[in-house]
C-alpha atoms as a PDB file:
ATOM      1  CA  UNK A   1     139.705 120.902 327.091  1.00  0.00           C
ATOM      2  CA  UNK A   2     142.144 123.482 325.628  1.00  0.00           C
ATOM      3  CA  UNK A   3     145.430 123.762 327.416  1.00  0.00           C
ATOM      4  CA  UNK A   4     148.894 125.262 326.898  1.00  0.00           C
ATOM      5  CA  UNK A   5     150.991 122.330 325.120  1.00  0.00           C
ATOM      6  CA  UNK A   6     154.215 124.040 323.991  1.00  0.00           C
ATOM      7  CA  UNK A   7     156.282 126.714 324.986  1.00  0.00           C
ATOM      8  CA  UNK A   8     159.120 127.907 322.603  1.00  0.00           C
ATOM      9  CA  UNK A   9     161.972 130.250 323.648  1.00  0.00           C
ATOM     10  CA  UNK A  10     164.280 132.301 321.534  1.00  0.00           C
ATOM     11  CA  UNK A  11     167.638 131.428 322.290  1.00  0.00           C
ATOM     12  CA  UNK A  12     171.177 132.271 320.786  1.00  0.00           C
ATOM     13  CA  UNK A  13     173.028 129.116 321.801  1.00  0.00           C
ATOM     14  CA  UNK A  14     170.609 126.053 321.358  1.00  0.00           C
ATOM     15  CA  UNK A  15     173.134 123.524 322.585  1.00  0.00           C
ATOM     16  CA  UNK A  16     174.200 125.470 325.612  1.00  0.00           C
ATOM     17  CA  UNK A  17     170.580 126.259 326.797  1.00  0.00           C
ATOM     18  CA  UNK A  18     169.587 122.726 326.000  1.00  0.00           C
ATOM     19  CA  UNK A  19     172.427 121.444 328.125  1.00  0.00           C
ATOM     20  CA  UNK A  20     171.397 123.705 330.741  1.00  0.00           C
ATOM     21  CA  UNK A  21     167.922 122.454 331.203  1.00  0.00           C
ATOM     22  CA  UNK A  22     168.686 118.702 330.837  1.00  0.00           C
ATOM     23  CA  UNK A  23     171.145 119.325 333.935  1.00  0.00           C
ATOM     24  CA  UNK A  24     168.707 121.623 335.601  1.00  0.00           C
ATOM     25  CA  UNK A  25     165.433 119.378 335.422  1.00  0.00           C
ATOM     26  CA  UNK A  26     166.564 116.178 333.832  1.00  0.00           C
ATOM     27  CA  UNK A  27     164.831 116.778 330.473  1.00  0.00           C
ATOM     28  CA  UNK A  28     165.550 115.065 327.184  1.00  0.00           C
ATOM     29  CA  UNK A  29     165.639 116.991 324.107  1.00  0.00           C
ATOM     30  CA  UNK A  30     165.563 116.143 320.360  1.00  0.00           C
ATOM     31  CA  UNK A  31     167.605 118.042 318.150  1.00  0.00           C
ATOM     32  CA  UNK A  32     165.993 119.222 314.757  1.00  0.00           C
ATOM     33  CA  UNK A  33     168.902 120.634 312.983  1.00  0.00           C
ATOM     34  CA  UNK A  34     171.519 123.092 314.809  1.00  0.00           C
ATOM     35  CA  UNK A  35     168.753 125.943 315.295  1.00  0.00           C
ATOM     36  CA  UNK A  36     166.173 123.817 317.099  1.00  0.00           C
ATOM     37  CA  UNK A  37     165.657 121.341 319.862  1.00  0.00           C
ATOM     38  CA  UNK A  38     162.586 120.261 321.637  1.00  0.00           C
ATOM     39  CA  UNK A  39     161.289 118.177 324.421  1.00  0.00           C
ATOM     40  CA  UNK A  40     158.982 115.650 323.031  1.00  0.00           C
ATOM     41  CA  UNK A  41     157.204 114.001 326.052  1.00  0.00           C
ATOM     42  CA  UNK A  42     153.678 114.694 324.766  1.00  0.00           C
ATOM     43  CA  UNK A  43     152.793 116.721 327.958  1.00  0.00           C
ATOM     44  CA  UNK A  44     153.557 120.541 327.796  1.00  0.00           C
ATOM     45  CA  UNK A  45     156.772 120.639 325.497  1.00  0.00           C
ATOM     46  CA  UNK A  46     159.644 123.262 325.418  1.00  0.00           C
ATOM     47  CA  UNK A  47     161.081 124.324 321.973  1.00  0.00           C
ATOM     48  CA  UNK A  48     164.435 125.939 321.791  1.00  0.00           C
ATOM     49  CA  UNK A  49     164.526 128.332 318.935  1.00  0.00           C
ATOM     50  CA  UNK A  50     167.846 129.667 317.516  1.00  0.00           C
ATOM     51  CA  UNK A  51     166.599 130.786 314.142  1.00  0.00           C
ATOM     52  CA  UNK A  52     167.190 134.216 313.093  1.00  0.00           C
ATOM     53  CA  UNK A  53     164.599 133.720 310.363  1.00  0.00           C
ATOM     54  CA  UNK A  54     161.523 133.149 312.904  1.00  0.00           C
ATOM     55  CA  UNK A  55     162.229 135.305 315.933  1.00  0.00           C
ATOM     56  CA  UNK A  56     159.589 135.090 318.708  1.00  0.00           C
ATOM     57  CA  UNK A  57     158.714 137.324 321.706  1.00  0.00           C
ATOM     58  CA  UNK A  58     160.061 136.050 325.051  1.00  0.00           C
ATOM     59  CA  UNK A  59     157.601 134.378 327.515  1.00  0.00           C
ATOM     60  CA  UNK A  60     157.469 133.433 331.069  1.00  0.00           C
ATOM     61  CA  UNK A  61     156.878 129.777 331.306  1.00  0.00           C
ATOM     62  CA  UNK A  62     156.087 128.153 334.379  1.00  0.00           C
ATOM     63  CA  UNK A  63     157.651 124.957 335.708  1.00  0.00           C
ATOM     64  CA  UNK A  64     155.927 122.773 338.359  1.00  0.00           C
ATOM     65  CA  UNK A  65     158.200 120.827 340.684  1.00  0.00           C
ATOM     66  CA  UNK A  66     157.913 118.703 343.657  1.00  0.00           C
ATOM     67  CA  UNK A  67     160.621 120.368 345.876  1.00  0.00           C
ATOM     68  CA  UNK A  68     161.018 123.962 345.307  1.00  0.00           C
ATOM     69  CA  UNK A  69     164.371 124.172 347.276  1.00  0.00           C
ATOM     70  CA  UNK A  70     165.907 121.392 345.372  1.00  0.00           C
ATOM     71  CA  UNK A  71     164.783 122.960 342.220  1.00  0.00           C
ATOM     72  CA  UNK A  72     166.582 126.250 343.230  1.00  0.00           C
ATOM     73  CA  UNK A  73     169.629 124.590 343.925  1.00  0.00           C
ATOM     74  CA  UNK A  74     169.654 122.645 340.570  1.00  0.00           C
ATOM     75  CA  UNK A  75     169.079 125.698 338.692  1.00  0.00           C
ATOM     76  CA  UNK A  76     171.628 127.650 340.445  1.00  0.00           C
ATOM     77  CA  UNK A  77     174.207 124.702 340.133  1.00  0.00           C
ATOM     78  CA  UNK A  78     173.466 124.696 336.376  1.00  0.00           C
ATOM     79  CA  UNK A  79     174.344 128.225 335.824  1.00  0.00           C
ATOM     80  CA  UNK A  80     170.849 129.869 336.203  1.00  0.00           C
ATOM     81  CA  UNK A  81     170.542 133.430 337.907  1.00  0.00           C
ATOM     82  CA  UNK A  82     167.744 133.878 340.256  1.00  0.00           C
ATOM     83  CA  UNK A  83     165.775 137.056 339.414  1.00  0.00           C
ATOM     84  CA  UNK A  84     163.041 136.758 342.103  1.00  0.00           C
ATOM     85  CA  UNK A  85     163.524 134.926 345.206  1.00  0.00           C
ATOM     86  CA  UNK A  86     161.094 132.346 346.412  1.00  0.00           C
ATOM     87  CA  UNK A  87     157.766 133.871 347.519  1.00  0.00           C
ATOM     88  CA  UNK A  88     154.360 132.552 348.586  1.00  0.00           C
ATOM     89  CA  UNK A  89     151.308 132.981 346.609  1.00  0.00           C
ATOM     90  CA  UNK A  90     148.023 131.483 347.193  1.00  0.00           C
ATOM     91  CA  UNK A  91     148.207 127.976 346.829  1.00  0.00           C
ATOM     92  CA  UNK A  92     151.973 127.594 346.623  1.00  0.00           C
ATOM     93  CA  UNK A  93     155.368 129.194 346.461  1.00  0.00           C
ATOM     94  CA  UNK A  94     157.778 129.967 343.373  1.00  0.00           C
ATOM     95  CA  UNK A  95     160.856 131.891 342.035  1.00  0.00           C
ATOM     96  CA  UNK A  96     161.998 133.069 339.044  1.00  0.00           C
ATOM     97  CA  UNK A  97     165.196 132.717 337.215  1.00  0.00           C
ATOM     98  CA  UNK A  98     167.040 133.357 333.894  1.00  0.00           C
ATOM     99  CA  UNK A  99     168.798 130.906 331.917  1.00  0.00           C
ATOM    100  CA  UNK A 100     172.414 131.190 330.460  1.00  0.00           C
ATOM    101  CA  UNK A 101     170.783 132.731 327.483  1.00  0.00           C
ATOM    102  CA  UNK A 102     168.751 135.282 329.488  1.00  0.00           C
ATOM    103  CA  UNK A 103     165.101 133.684 329.191  1.00  0.00           C
ATOM    104  CA  UNK A 104     163.112 134.192 332.344  1.00  0.00           C
ATOM    105  CA  UNK A 105     161.101 131.376 333.688  1.00  0.00           C
ATOM    106  CA  UNK A 106     159.113 130.637 336.849  1.00  0.00           C
ATOM    107  CA  UNK A 107     159.492 127.700 339.150  1.00  0.00           C
ATOM    108  CA  UNK A 108     156.532 126.723 341.387  1.00  0.00           C
ATOM    109  CA  UNK A 109     155.166 124.052 343.903  1.00  0.00           C
ATOM    110  CA  UNK A 110     151.642 123.514 344.759  1.00  0.00           C
ATOM    111  CA  UNK A 111     150.841 123.833 348.389  1.00  0.00           C
ATOM    112  CA  UNK A 112     147.313 123.522 349.365  1.00  0.00           C
ATOM    113  CA  UNK A 113     146.189 125.649 352.039  1.00  0.00           C
END
């Protein structure tokens, strides 16, 4: 079955954004030169593209977590800005934030009804 396996974000400061996600979620990155870093878990991986030669459109990836409030605290402590506070949707809750480079992402937790 086809699934999303990789999300790439345009960034201006690869090292700074890499460090933000490492602090906020404990993710490990591999640097592929000064203009690119990526997770390489084999699951859904995140690429940080700092190249001006291959600019991409900004996406809204959604991160699944087990504890939404803990994730909100980690994102805030790491320097993220909450853009949409926690809200409920059918099957769970989520919030949106901007990382230090201005990329917006969502974070959600499944909560079966």
